[in-house]
Amino acid sequence: MHMMRAFTNRRSRAEEIASVLAGADPIFVLGAWRSGTSAMRQLFCHQYGIPSYLEGHVWHTVFALQRHLDSTIEQLGGAQQPGIAGFAVLEITSREIVSRYAANLLEVHIEQLGTPRFLDKTPGHEAIHSVPLLAELIPNAQFIYMQRNGLENVQSQLRRFGSQSLRGACQSWKECMDAWELVRPALGERAITVDQGDFQSDTSGVARRIVEFVEPGVGRALEKTVDFFRNNAPEQTRAHSQSPPRLCDTGWDDYHQKMFVELCGETMRRAGYGFE
């Protein structure tokens, strides 16, 4: 009787977890630091009333847990190895563990933010690498990747983060761009890429894309979005009417210009950004 009750409770909890994962529809805003993620968060919070923490930095732990379990199982060599039968990591499937963890995170967010429709803004490549798993676990999740010209982004990082080195800023931007290029194809219509430069150069166009992505049926929402971007444009390294930034205008010496080209040049070219 006790075992039957335990089995029933476990099945009931599994159904509850599946319901939590299927019932949530969060928006994940991703990108490199200084790429417009804060402006996107402000748009949804202030214009759409979608709640959010200032930043997240927690959802990538779902992916980290999955990687840890996969690595541990591989190191153990599977359940057929003598002496390890009955190990929890082998008896409980990694998907069950990860699903329960993700559902618990959702429940905490829903409880504290008051709705299953919330926004998470987390800059950095770790969050981007977690996207395919989050998309699989949370079927109604949507993803917005904020992108910015690498030369502008690196200069912005150096201004904002005084202790940041040029090499570190370059690697930070490149890691995010390369990670998004890797995960984007699997997301289909559940993701869009927004270039920060379009906030000013194509305000109506980028506003329409965002509205149609998160709120089909353009109307008052489009007007509010256009007004927001016109009145709350994120930091720009240059005026939108100016030509794209050039490496020779950065004030960097030859050593640091070569460093930028070496670290970011190929990624810049693949993204369609000129800099020379």
Foldseek 3Di string as FASTA:
>chain_A
DVVVVVVVVVVVVVVVLLCLLAVFAEEEEEAFPPQCLQLVQCCCCPVVVAAEDSADPPLLVLVVLLVVLVVVCVVVVACPDPPCNPPPSRVPDSCVVSSVVVSVVQVVCCVVRVHSYHYHYHYFLSVLLCVVVSCVRRVNYAYEYGAEQLVFQLLVCCVVPVVDDSLNSLQRNLSNLVSCVVPVVVCPLRYDYDGLLCLQVPVLVRLVVVCCSPPNDDDVSSVSSSVSSVVPRRDGPDDSPDDAEALVPPPDDPVSSVSNCVRCVVSSVVVPHDHD
